[in-house]
Amino acid sequence: MTDSDRGFEPVLGERQVVINDETSEGTRDPSHASIRELLSEYLEGTLAAPRQDIVRQHVDRCPSCRAFLRTLESTVELVGQLPSHELPDRVRRRILDRLATTADSSVGGE
């Protein structure tokens, strides 16, 4: 579940504003930290429309969050340029076996 699937509660001093899919805007601006937590989803375009608008409006008028967004965009672009590496088959099998063993033991432990 992502933040876009549930409401988030940015803290504003002593007061909290809940922003969810039904709320297009709070009574006050969400905190910088709350906005920054949503920037990855904002870049991916996976936020619900009201929340996407709130983030865009905040970034449009907040130089520090705008700089944070630019840094995130640059980081994503640079990571995308890294060469991809394939795992050797024996390593991939060991990981898959470990995951299967872990999944089996967690199902049996419930």
PDB file of N, CA and C in Angstrom:
ATOM      1  N   MET A   1       0.846  -1.168   0.000  1.00  0.00           N
ATOM      2  CA  MET A   1       0.000   0.000   0.000  1.00  0.00           C
ATOM      3  C   MET A   1       0.895   1.236   0.000  1.00  0.00           C
ATOM      4  N   THR A   2       0.599   2.181  -0.870  1.00  0.00           N
ATOM      5  CA  THR A   2       1.384   3.406  -0.948  1.00  0.00           C
ATOM      6  C   THR A   2       0.621   4.526  -0.267  1.00  0.00           C
ATOM      7  N   ASP A   3       1.292   5.673  -0.110  1.00  0.00           N
ATOM      8  CA  ASP A   3       0.626   6.819   0.481  1.00  0.00           C
ATOM      9  C   ASP A   3      -0.573   7.255  -0.347  1.00  0.00           C
ATOM     10  N   SER A   4      -0.538   6.972  -1.648  1.00  0.00           N
ATOM     11  CA  SER A   4      -1.669   7.374  -2.468  1.00  0.00           C
ATOM     12  C   SER A   4      -2.898   6.503  -2.206  1.00  0.00           C
ATOM     13  N   ASP A   5      -2.698   5.341  -1.540  1.00  0.00           N
ATOM     14  CA  ASP A   5      -3.813   4.460  -1.224  1.00  0.00           C
ATOM     15  C   ASP A   5      -4.472   4.802   0.106  1.00  0.00           C
ATOM     16  N   ARG A   6      -3.846   5.676   0.889  1.00  0.00           N
ATOM     17  CA  ARG A   6      -4.406   6.018   2.193  1.00  0.00           C
ATOM     18  C   ARG A   6      -4.172   7.501   2.431  1.00  0.00           C
ATOM     19  N   GLY A   7      -4.893   8.058   3.373  1.00  0.00           N
ATOM     20  CA  GLY A   7      -4.681   9.459   3.720  1.00  0.00           C
ATOM     21  C   GLY A   7      -3.351   9.627   4.406  1.00  0.00           C
ATOM     22  N   PHE A   8      -2.804  10.834   4.395  1.00  0.00           N
ATOM     23  CA  PHE A   8      -1.607  11.087   5.168  1.00  0.00           C
ATOM     24  C   PHE A   8      -1.864  12.297   6.023  1.00  0.00           C
ATOM     25  N   GLU A   9      -1.205  12.366   7.144  1.00  0.00           N
ATOM     26  CA  GLU A   9      -1.465  13.409   8.111  1.00  0.00           C
ATOM     27  C   GLU A   9      -0.213  14.244   8.342  1.00  0.00           C
ATOM     28  N   PRO A  10      -0.031  15.301   7.578  1.00  0.00           N
ATOM     29  CA  PRO A  10       1.118  16.154   7.814  1.00  0.00           C
ATOM     30  C   PRO A  10       0.937  16.932   9.104  1.00  0.00           C
ATOM     31  N   VAL A  11       1.982  17.060   9.868  1.00  0.00           N
ATOM     32  CA  VAL A  11       1.920  17.792  11.121  1.00  0.00           C
ATOM     33  C   VAL A  11       2.228  19.255  10.840  1.00  0.00           C
ATOM     34  N   LEU A  12       1.370  20.127  11.310  1.00  0.00           N
ATOM     35  CA  LEU A  12       1.543  21.561  11.114  1.00  0.00           C
ATOM     36  C   LEU A  12       1.546  22.222  12.483  1.00  0.00           C
ATOM     37  N   GLY A  13       2.724  22.336  13.064  1.00  0.00           N
ATOM     38  CA  GLY A  13       2.798  22.889  14.405  1.00  0.00           C
ATOM     39  C   GLY A  13       2.052  21.982  15.357  1.00  0.00           C
ATOM     40  N   GLU A  14       1.074  22.527  16.031  1.00  0.00           N
ATOM     41  CA  GLU A  14       0.270  21.758  16.986  1.00  0.00           C
ATOM     42  C   GLU A  14      -0.917  21.083  16.309  1.00  0.00           C
ATOM     43  N   ARG A  15      -1.121  21.328  15.030  1.00  0.00           N
ATOM     44  CA  ARG A  15      -2.338  20.917  14.344  1.00  0.00           C
ATOM     45  C   ARG A  15      -2.024  19.932  13.235  1.00  0.00           C
ATOM     46  N   GLN A  16      -2.901  18.999  12.985  1.00  0.00           N
ATOM     47  CA  GLN A  16      -2.733  18.070  11.882  1.00  0.00           C
ATOM     48  C   GLN A  16      -3.810  18.321  10.842  1.00  0.00           C
ATOM     49  N   VAL A  17      -3.424  18.176   9.578  1.00  0.00           N
ATOM     50  CA  VAL A  17      -4.375  18.289   8.482  1.00  0.00           C
ATOM     51  C   VAL A  17      -4.351  16.962   7.747  1.00  0.00           C
ATOM     52  N   VAL A  18      -5.489  16.321   7.609  1.00  0.00           N
ATOM     53  CA  VAL A  18      -5.560  15.059   6.892  1.00  0.00           C
ATOM     54  C   VAL A  18      -5.873  15.365   5.442  1.00  0.00           C
ATOM     55  N   ILE A  19      -5.032  14.832   4.569  1.00  0.00           N
ATOM     56  CA  ILE A  19      -5.267  14.993   3.139  1.00  0.00           C
ATOM     57  C   ILE A  19      -5.484  13.601   2.583  1.00  0.00           C
ATOM     58  N   ASN A  20      -6.658  13.347   2.069  1.00  0.00           N
ATOM     59  CA  ASN A  20      -6.933  12.045   1.476  1.00  0.00           C
ATOM     60  C   ASN A  20      -7.589  12.261   0.122  1.00  0.00           C
ATOM     61  N   ASP A  21      -7.991  11.184  -0.511  1.00  0.00           N
ATOM     62  CA  ASP A  21      -8.537  11.292  -1.855  1.00  0.00           C
ATOM     63  C   ASP A  21      -9.829  12.114  -1.905  1.00  0.00           C
ATOM     64  N   GLU A  22     -10.536  12.211  -0.790  1.00  0.00           N
ATOM     65  CA  GLU A  22     -11.776  12.971  -0.775  1.00  0.00           C
ATOM     66  C   GLU A  22     -11.535  14.448  -0.487  1.00  0.00           C
ATOM     67  N   THR A  23     -10.344  14.802  -0.020  1.00  0.00           N
ATOM     68  CA  THR A  23     -10.041  16.174   0.364  1.00  0.00           C
ATOM     69  C   THR A  23      -9.109  16.781  -0.665  1.00  0.00           C
ATOM     70  N   SER A  24      -9.552  17.813  -1.343  1.00  0.00           N
ATOM     71  CA  SER A  24      -8.687  18.415  -2.347  1.00  0.00           C
ATOM     72  C   SER A  24      -7.703  19.388  -1.730  1.00  0.00           C
ATOM     73  N   GLU A  25      -8.024  19.922  -0.576  1.00  0.00           N
ATOM     74  CA  GLU A  25      -7.071  20.782   0.097  1.00  0.00           C
ATOM     75  C   GLU A  25      -7.414  20.849   1.577  1.00  0.00           C
ATOM     76  N   GLY A  26      -6.371  21.022   2.375  1.00  0.00           N
ATOM     77  CA  GLY A  26      -6.572  21.171   3.809  1.00  0.00           C
ATOM     78  C   GLY A  26      -6.808  22.632   4.134  1.00  0.00           C
ATOM     79  N   THR A  27      -6.979  22.925   5.403  1.00  0.00           N
ATOM     80  CA  THR A  27      -7.186  24.308   5.787  1.00  0.00           C
ATOM     81  C   THR A  27      -5.878  25.067   5.779  1.00  0.00           C
ATOM     82  N   ARG A  28      -4.752  24.369   5.867  1.00  0.00           N
ATOM     83  CA  ARG A  28      -3.428  24.967   5.795  1.00  0.00           C
ATOM     84  C   ARG A  28      -2.562  24.065   4.923  1.00  0.00           C
ATOM     85  N   ASP A  29      -1.404  24.575   4.539  1.00  0.00           N
ATOM     86  CA  ASP A  29      -0.498  23.793   3.710  1.00  0.00           C
ATOM     87  C   ASP A  29       0.064  22.603   4.472  1.00  0.00           C
ATOM     88  N   PRO A  30       0.256  21.477   3.781  1.00  0.00           N
ATOM     89  CA  PRO A  30       0.932  20.342   4.411  1.00  0.00           C
ATOM     90  C   PRO A  30       2.394  20.694   4.668  1.00  0.00           C
ATOM     91  N   SER A  31       3.014  19.978   5.585  1.00  0.00           N
ATOM     92  CA  SER A  31       4.408  20.253   5.917  1.00  0.00           C
ATOM     93  C   SER A  31       5.333  19.863   4.774  1.00  0.00           C
ATOM     94  N   HIS A  32       6.529  20.434   4.807  1.00  0.00           N
ATOM     95  CA  HIS A  32       7.538  20.098   3.797  1.00  0.00           C
ATOM     96  C   HIS A  32       7.851  18.601   3.842  1.00  0.00           C
ATOM     97  N   ALA A  33       7.978  18.039   5.036  1.00  0.00           N
ATOM     98  CA  ALA A  33       8.295  16.609   5.172  1.00  0.00           C
ATOM     99  C   ALA A  33       7.201  15.754   4.551  1.00  0.00           C
ATOM    100  N   SER A  34       5.945  16.134   4.750  1.00  0.00           N
ATOM    101  CA  SER A  34       4.834  15.369   4.174  1.00  0.00           C
ATOM    102  C   SER A  34       4.858  15.412   2.657  1.00  0.00           C
ATOM    103  N   ILE A  35       5.158  16.570   2.112  1.00  0.00           N
ATOM    104  CA  ILE A  35       5.248  16.711   0.656  1.00  0.00           C
ATOM    105  C   ILE A  35       6.405  15.873   0.133  1.00  0.00           C
ATOM    106  N   ARG A  36       7.560  15.960   0.783  1.00  0.00           N
ATOM    107  CA  ARG A  36       8.740  15.238   0.319  1.00  0.00           C
ATOM    108  C   ARG A  36       8.537  13.732   0.361  1.00  0.00           C
ATOM    109  N   GLU A  37       7.738  13.242   1.292  1.00  0.00           N
ATOM    110  CA  GLU A  37       7.441  11.805   1.348  1.00  0.00           C
ATOM    111  C   GLU A  37       6.662  11.345   0.121  1.00  0.00           C
ATOM    112  N   LEU A  38       5.979  12.262  -0.536  1.00  0.00           N
ATOM    113  CA  LEU A  38       5.136  11.915  -1.692  1.00  0.00           C
ATOM    114  C   LEU A  38       5.805  12.180  -3.038  1.00  0.00           C
ATOM    115  N   LEU A  39       7.005  12.742  -3.029  1.00  0.00           N
ATOM    116  CA  LEU A  39       7.601  13.166  -4.295  1.00  0.00           C
ATOM    117  C   LEU A  39       7.929  12.022  -5.243  1.00  0.00           C
ATOM    118  N   SER A  40       8.311  10.854  -4.731  1.00  0.00           N
ATOM    119  CA  SER A  40       8.576   9.725  -5.631  1.00  0.00           C
ATOM    120  C   SER A  40       7.304   9.328  -6.373  1.00  0.00           C
ATOM    121  N   GLU A  41       6.209   9.220  -5.632  1.00  0.00           N
ATOM    122  CA  GLU A  41       4.933   8.886  -6.271  1.00  0.00           C
ATOM    123  C   GLU A  41       4.486  10.007  -7.217  1.00  0.00           C
ATOM    124  N   TYR A  42       4.773  11.241  -6.836  1.00  0.00           N
ATOM    125  CA  TYR A  42       4.454  12.385  -7.693  1.00  0.00           C
ATOM    126  C   TYR A  42       5.179  12.261  -9.028  1.00  0.00           C
ATOM    127  N   LEU A  43       6.473  11.950  -8.969  1.00  0.00           N
ATOM    128  CA  LEU A  43       7.252  11.779 -10.200  1.00  0.00           C
ATOM    129  C   LEU A  43       6.733  10.625 -11.050  1.00  0.00           C
ATOM    130  N   GLU A  44       6.325   9.550 -10.388  1.00  0.00           N
ATOM    131  CA  GLU A  44       5.819   8.379 -11.111  1.00  0.00           C
ATOM    132  C   GLU A  44       4.413   8.610 -11.657  1.00  0.00           C
ATOM    133  N   GLY A  45       3.736   9.632 -11.171  1.00  0.00           N
ATOM    134  CA  GLY A  45       2.365   9.898 -11.600  1.00  0.00           C
ATOM    135  C   GLY A  45       1.353   8.954 -10.980  1.00  0.00           C
ATOM    136  N   THR A  46       1.670   8.413  -9.791  1.00  0.00           N
ATOM    137  CA  THR A  46       0.778   7.444  -9.167  1.00  0.00           C
ATOM    138  C   THR A  46      -0.074   8.030  -8.042  1.00  0.00           C
ATOM    139  N   LEU A  47       0.043   9.319  -7.788  1.00  0.00           N
ATOM    140  CA  LEU A  47      -0.801   9.943  -6.769  1.00  0.00           C
ATOM    141  C   LEU A  47      -2.195  10.204  -7.330  1.00  0.00           C
ATOM    142  N   ALA A  48      -3.192  10.123  -6.474  1.00  0.00           N
ATOM    143  CA  ALA A  48      -4.553  10.487  -6.883  1.00  0.00           C
ATOM    144  C   ALA A  48      -4.559  11.974  -7.244  1.00  0.00           C
ATOM    145  N   ALA A  49      -5.455  12.358  -8.134  1.00  0.00           N
ATOM    146  CA  ALA A  49      -5.486  13.726  -8.670  1.00  0.00           C
ATOM    147  C   ALA A  49      -5.485  14.817  -7.590  1.00  0.00           C
ATOM    148  N   PRO A  50      -6.314  14.726  -6.557  1.00  0.00           N
ATOM    149  CA  PRO A  50      -6.289  15.810  -5.553  1.00  0.00           C
ATOM    150  C   PRO A  50      -4.921  15.936  -4.876  1.00  0.00           C
ATOM    151  N   ARG A  51      -4.331  14.820  -4.539  1.00  0.00           N
ATOM    152  CA  ARG A  51      -3.030  14.845  -3.869  1.00  0.00           C
ATOM    153  C   ARG A  51      -1.940  15.309  -4.837  1.00  0.00           C
ATOM    154  N   GLN A  52      -2.025  14.897  -6.097  1.00  0.00           N
ATOM    155  CA  GLN A  52      -1.079  15.342  -7.127  1.00  0.00           C
ATOM    156  C   GLN A  52      -1.123  16.874  -7.229  1.00  0.00           C
ATOM    157  N   ASP A  53      -2.321  17.438  -7.211  1.00  0.00           N
ATOM    158  CA  ASP A  53      -2.476  18.893  -7.287  1.00  0.00           C
ATOM    159  C   ASP A  53      -1.881  19.589  -6.063  1.00  0.00           C
ATOM    160  N   ILE A  54      -2.102  19.030  -4.891  1.00  0.00           N
ATOM    161  CA  ILE A  54      -1.578  19.622  -3.662  1.00  0.00           C
ATOM    162  C   ILE A  54      -0.058  19.641  -3.697  1.00  0.00           C
ATOM    163  N   VAL A  55       0.541  18.530  -4.110  1.00  0.00           N
ATOM    164  CA  VAL A  55       2.003  18.458  -4.184  1.00  0.00           C
ATOM    165  C   VAL A  55       2.515  19.450  -5.227  1.00  0.00           C
ATOM    166  N   ARG A  56       1.906  19.481  -6.400  1.00  0.00           N
ATOM    167  CA  ARG A  56       2.337  20.396  -7.466  1.00  0.00           C
ATOM    168  C   ARG A  56       2.253  21.839  -6.996  1.00  0.00           C
ATOM    169  N   GLN A  57       1.145  22.219  -6.362  1.00  0.00           N
ATOM    170  CA  GLN A  57       0.979  23.596  -5.895  1.00  0.00           C
ATOM    171  C   GLN A  57       2.033  23.945  -4.843  1.00  0.00           C
ATOM    172  N   HIS A  58       2.307  23.014  -3.947  1.00  0.00           N
ATOM    173  CA  HIS A  58       3.315  23.269  -2.915  1.00  0.00           C
ATOM    174  C   HIS A  58       4.691  23.443  -3.552  1.00  0.00           C
ATOM    175  N   VAL A  59       5.047  22.533  -4.458  1.00  0.00           N
ATOM    176  CA  VAL A  59       6.359  22.588  -5.112  1.00  0.00           C
ATOM    177  C   VAL A  59       6.486  23.869  -5.943  1.00  0.00           C
ATOM    178  N   ASP A  60       5.401  24.307  -6.564  1.00  0.00           N
ATOM    179  CA  ASP A  60       5.435  25.532  -7.369  1.00  0.00           C
ATOM    180  C   ASP A  60       5.799  26.756  -6.535  1.00  0.00           C
ATOM    181  N   ARG A  61       5.410  26.768  -5.267  1.00  0.00           N
ATOM    182  CA  ARG A  61       5.664  27.968  -4.460  1.00  0.00           C
ATOM    183  C   ARG A  61       6.716  27.775  -3.368  1.00  0.00           C
ATOM    184  N   CYS A  62       7.321  26.585  -3.280  1.00  0.00           N
ATOM    185  CA  CYS A  62       8.299  26.307  -2.226  1.00  0.00           C
ATOM    186  C   CYS A  62       9.669  26.013  -2.845  1.00  0.00           C
ATOM    187  N   PRO A  63      10.594  26.955  -2.759  1.00  0.00           N
ATOM    188  CA  PRO A  63      11.913  26.746  -3.375  1.00  0.00           C
ATOM    189  C   PRO A  63      12.668  25.539  -2.816  1.00  0.00           C
ATOM    190  N   SER A  64      12.565  25.274  -1.518  1.00  0.00           N
ATOM    191  CA  SER A  64      13.333  24.152  -0.964  1.00  0.00           C
ATOM    192  C   SER A  64      12.761  22.807  -1.410  1.00  0.00           C
ATOM    193  N   CYS A  65      11.446  22.675  -1.480  1.00  0.00           N
ATOM    194  CA  CYS A  65      10.850  21.418  -1.958  1.00  0.00           C
ATOM    195  C   CYS A  65      11.061  21.262  -3.461  1.00  0.00           C
ATOM    196  N   ARG A  66      11.070  22.369  -4.188  1.00  0.00           N
ATOM    197  CA  ARG A  66      11.353  22.324  -5.620  1.00  0.00           C
ATOM    198  C   ARG A  66      12.788  21.842  -5.860  1.00  0.00           C
ATOM    199  N   ALA A  67      13.735  22.330  -5.055  1.00  0.00           N
ATOM    200  CA  ALA A  67      15.125  21.873  -5.170  1.00  0.00           C
ATOM    201  C   ALA A  67      15.231  20.391  -4.813  1.00  0.00           C
ATOM    202  N   PHE A  68      14.494  19.968  -3.787  1.00  0.00           N
ATOM    203  CA  PHE A  68      14.476  18.563  -3.393  1.00  0.00           C
ATOM    204  C   PHE A  68      13.950  17.712  -4.543  1.00  0.00           C
ATOM    205  N   LEU A  69      12.891  18.159  -5.197  1.00  0.00           N
ATOM    206  CA  LEU A  69      12.312  17.434  -6.331  1.00  0.00           C
ATOM    207  C   LEU A  69      13.310  17.342  -7.483  1.00  0.00           C
ATOM    208  N   ARG A  70      14.013  18.443  -7.776  1.00  0.00           N
ATOM    209  CA  ARG A  70      15.012  18.412  -8.846  1.00  0.00           C
ATOM    210  C   ARG A  70      16.129  17.425  -8.534  1.00  0.00           C
ATOM    211  N   THR A  71      16.547  17.383  -7.273  1.00  0.00           N
ATOM    212  CA  THR A  71      17.586  16.430  -6.869  1.00  0.00           C
ATOM    213  C   THR A  71      17.080  15.003  -7.036  1.00  0.00           C
ATOM    214  N   LEU A  72      15.841  14.755  -6.648  1.00  0.00           N
ATOM    215  CA  LEU A  72      15.252  13.423  -6.807  1.00  0.00           C
ATOM    216  C   LEU A  72      15.163  13.051  -8.280  1.00  0.00           C
ATOM    217  N   GLU A  73      14.743  13.979  -9.121  1.00  0.00           N
ATOM    218  CA  GLU A  73      14.663  13.723 -10.569  1.00  0.00           C
ATOM    219  C   GLU A  73      16.046  13.380 -11.133  1.00  0.00           C
ATOM    220  N   SER A  74      17.057  14.128 -10.725  1.00  0.00           N
ATOM    221  CA  SER A  74      18.427  13.863 -11.192  1.00  0.00           C
ATOM    222  C   SER A  74      18.913  12.503 -10.735  1.00  0.00           C
ATOM    223  N   THR A  75      18.601  12.166  -9.491  1.00  0.00           N
ATOM    224  CA  THR A  75      19.020  10.872  -8.945  1.00  0.00           C
ATOM    225  C   THR A  75      18.373   9.736  -9.722  1.00  0.00           C
ATOM    226  N   VAL A  76      17.086   9.845  -9.978  1.00  0.00           N
ATOM    227  CA  VAL A  76      16.370   8.814 -10.737  1.00  0.00           C
ATOM    228  C   VAL A  76      16.970   8.687 -12.137  1.00  0.00           C
ATOM    229  N   GLU A  77      17.270   9.818 -12.765  1.00  0.00           N
ATOM    230  CA  GLU A  77      17.859   9.788 -14.106  1.00  0.00           C
ATOM    231  C   GLU A  77      19.235   9.120 -14.093  1.00  0.00           C
ATOM    232  N   LEU A  78      20.055   9.480 -13.110  1.00  0.00           N
ATOM    233  CA  LEU A  78      21.398   8.899 -13.028  1.00  0.00           C
ATOM    234  C   LEU A  78      21.351   7.401 -12.740  1.00  0.00           C
ATOM    235  N   VAL A  79      20.474   6.993 -11.847  1.00  0.00           N
ATOM    236  CA  VAL A  79      20.346   5.562 -11.536  1.00  0.00           C
ATOM    237  C   VAL A  79      19.877   4.808 -12.771  1.00  0.00           C
ATOM    238  N   GLY A  80      19.016   5.420 -13.555  1.00  0.00           N
ATOM    239  CA  GLY A  80      18.549   4.785 -14.782  1.00  0.00           C
ATOM    240  C   GLY A  80      19.646   4.578 -15.812  1.00  0.00           C
ATOM    241  N   GLN A  81      20.729   5.321 -15.690  1.00  0.00           N
ATOM    242  CA  GLN A  81      21.843   5.200 -16.628  1.00  0.00           C
ATOM    243  C   GLN A  81      22.874   4.164 -16.190  1.00  0.00           C
ATOM    244  N   LEU A  82      22.726   3.649 -14.974  1.00  0.00           N
ATOM    245  CA  LEU A  82      23.669   2.632 -14.506  1.00  0.00           C
ATOM    246  C   LEU A  82      23.507   1.355 -15.323  1.00  0.00           C
ATOM    247  N   PRO A  83      24.605   0.662 -15.553  1.00  0.00           N
ATOM    248  CA  PRO A  83      24.485  -0.603 -16.289  1.00  0.00           C
ATOM    249  C   PRO A  83      23.759  -1.632 -15.426  1.00  0.00           C
ATOM    250  N   SER A  84      22.972  -2.452 -16.076  1.00  0.00           N
ATOM    251  CA  SER A  84      22.295  -3.520 -15.332  1.00  0.00           C
ATOM    252  C   SER A  84      23.198  -4.750 -15.314  1.00  0.00           C
ATOM    253  N   HIS A  85      23.094  -5.502 -14.265  1.00  0.00           N
ATOM    254  CA  HIS A  85      23.902  -6.704 -14.120  1.00  0.00           C
ATOM    255  C   HIS A  85      22.980  -7.890 -13.862  1.00  0.00           C
ATOM    256  N   GLU A  86      23.296  -8.979 -14.489  1.00  0.00           N
ATOM    257  CA  GLU A  86      22.544 -10.208 -14.282  1.00  0.00           C
ATOM    258  C   GLU A  86      23.198 -11.001 -13.156  1.00  0.00           C
ATOM    259  N   LEU A  87      22.350 -11.551 -12.287  1.00  0.00           N
ATOM    260  CA  LEU A  87      22.861 -12.440 -11.254  1.00  0.00           C
ATOM    261  C   LEU A  87      23.243 -13.775 -11.879  1.00  0.00           C
ATOM    262  N   PRO A  88      24.319 -14.363 -11.413  1.00  0.00           N
ATOM    263  CA  PRO A  88      24.625 -15.726 -11.868  1.00  0.00           C
ATOM    264  C   PRO A  88      23.466 -16.658 -11.481  1.00  0.00           C
ATOM    265  N   ASP A  89      23.217 -17.671 -12.304  1.00  0.00           N
ATOM    266  CA  ASP A  89      22.096 -18.589 -12.062  1.00  0.00           C
ATOM    267  C   ASP A  89      22.140 -19.204 -10.669  1.00  0.00           C
ATOM    268  N   ARG A  90      23.323 -19.606 -10.198  1.00  0.00           N
ATOM    269  CA  ARG A  90      23.412 -20.250  -8.876  1.00  0.00           C
ATOM    270  C   ARG A  90      23.010 -19.289  -7.768  1.00  0.00           C
ATOM    271  N   VAL A  91      23.346 -18.005  -7.898  1.00  0.00           N
ATOM    272  CA  VAL A  91      22.975 -17.013  -6.890  1.00  0.00           C
ATOM    273  C   VAL A  91      21.466 -16.771  -6.936  1.00  0.00           C
ATOM    274  N   ARG A  92      20.930 -16.647  -8.130  1.00  0.00           N
ATOM    275  CA  ARG A  92      19.484 -16.451  -8.286  1.00  0.00           C
ATOM    276  C   ARG A  92      18.716 -17.621  -7.671  1.00  0.00           C
ATOM    277  N   ARG A  93      19.169 -18.868  -7.921  1.00  0.00           N
ATOM    278  CA  ARG A  93      18.499 -20.049  -7.352  1.00  0.00           C
ATOM    279  C   ARG A  93      18.563 -20.035  -5.828  1.00  0.00           C
ATOM    280  N   ARG A  94      19.717 -19.664  -5.265  1.00  0.00           N
ATOM    281  CA  ARG A  94      19.850 -19.607  -3.804  1.00  0.00           C
ATOM    282  C   ARG A  94      18.888 -18.591  -3.203  1.00  0.00           C
ATOM    283  N   ILE A  95      18.767 -17.445  -3.845  1.00  0.00           N
ATOM    284  CA  ILE A  95      17.842 -16.413  -3.351  1.00  0.00           C
ATOM    285  C   ILE A  95      16.409 -16.905  -3.429  1.00  0.00           C
ATOM    286  N   LEU A  96      16.030 -17.477  -4.560  1.00  0.00           N
ATOM    287  CA  LEU A  96      14.665 -17.982  -4.719  1.00  0.00           C
ATOM    288  C   LEU A  96      14.368 -19.107  -3.736  1.00  0.00           C
ATOM    289  N   ASP A  97      15.351 -20.007  -3.513  1.00  0.00           N
ATOM    290  CA  ASP A  97      15.164 -21.072  -2.529  1.00  0.00           C
ATOM    291  C   ASP A  97      14.973 -20.493  -1.134  1.00  0.00           C
ATOM    292  N   ARG A  98      15.778 -19.501  -0.792  1.00  0.00           N
ATOM    293  CA  ARG A  98      15.670 -18.875   0.532  1.00  0.00           C
ATOM    294  C   ARG A  98      14.316 -18.195   0.690  1.00  0.00           C
ATOM    295  N   LEU A  99      13.857 -17.497  -0.348  1.00  0.00           N
ATOM    296  CA  LEU A  99      12.550 -16.855  -0.292  1.00  0.00           C
ATOM    297  C   LEU A  99      11.437 -17.881  -0.126  1.00  0.00           C
ATOM    298  N   ALA A 100      11.538 -18.987  -0.842  1.00  0.00           N
ATOM    299  CA  ALA A 100      10.519 -20.036  -0.733  1.00  0.00           C
ATOM    300  C   ALA A 100      10.526 -20.631   0.669  1.00  0.00           C
ATOM    301  N   THR A 101      11.712 -20.869   1.226  1.00  0.00           N
ATOM    302  CA  THR A 101      11.817 -21.420   2.577  1.00  0.00           C
ATOM    303  C   THR A 101      11.241 -20.442   3.599  1.00  0.00           C
ATOM    304  N   THR A 102      11.556 -19.176   3.437  1.00  0.00           N
ATOM    305  CA  THR A 102      11.049 -18.151   4.346  1.00  0.00           C
ATOM    306  C   THR A 102       9.530 -18.043   4.242  1.00  0.00           C
ATOM    307  N   ALA A 103       9.015 -18.071   3.035  1.00  0.00           N
ATOM    308  CA  ALA A 103       7.561 -17.991   2.831  1.00  0.00           C
ATOM    309  C   ALA A 103       6.881 -19.206   3.434  1.00  0.00           C
ATOM    310  N   ASP A 104       7.461 -20.410   3.245  1.00  0.00           N
ATOM    311  CA  ASP A 104       6.882 -21.634   3.803  1.00  0.00           C
ATOM    312  C   ASP A 104       6.859 -21.573   5.320  1.00  0.00           C
ATOM    313  N   SER A 105       7.929 -21.101   5.941  1.00  0.00           N
ATOM    314  CA  SER A 105       7.987 -21.071   7.394  1.00  0.00           C
ATOM    315  C   SER A 105       7.064 -19.997   7.965  1.00  0.00           C
ATOM    316  N   SER A 106       6.854 -18.901   7.249  1.00  0.00           N
ATOM    317  CA  SER A 106       5.955 -17.866   7.768  1.00  0.00           C
ATOM    318  C   SER A 106       4.504 -18.299   7.627  1.00  0.00           C
ATOM    319  N   VAL A 107       4.167 -19.066   6.602  1.00  0.00           N
ATOM    320  CA  VAL A 107       2.808 -19.566   6.430  1.00  0.00           C
ATOM    321  C   VAL A 107       2.513 -20.602   7.498  1.00  0.00           C
ATOM    322  N   GLY A 108       3.471 -21.464   7.775  1.00  0.00           N
ATOM    323  CA  GLY A 108       3.284 -22.501   8.787  1.00  0.00           C
ATOM    324  C   GLY A 108       3.245 -21.938  10.193  1.00  0.00           C
ATOM    325  N   GLY A 109       3.826 -20.746  10.381  1.00  0.00           N
ATOM    326  CA  GLY A 109       3.870 -20.142  11.717  1.00  0.00           C
ATOM    327  C   GLY A 109       2.635 -19.341  12.063  1.00  0.00           C
ATOM    328  N   GLU A 110       1.722 -19.179  11.137  1.00  0.00           N
ATOM    329  CA  GLU A 110       0.521 -18.379  11.400  1.00  0.00           C
ATOM    330  C   GLU A 110      -0.536 -19.180  12.098  1.00  0.00           C
TER     331      GLU A 110
END
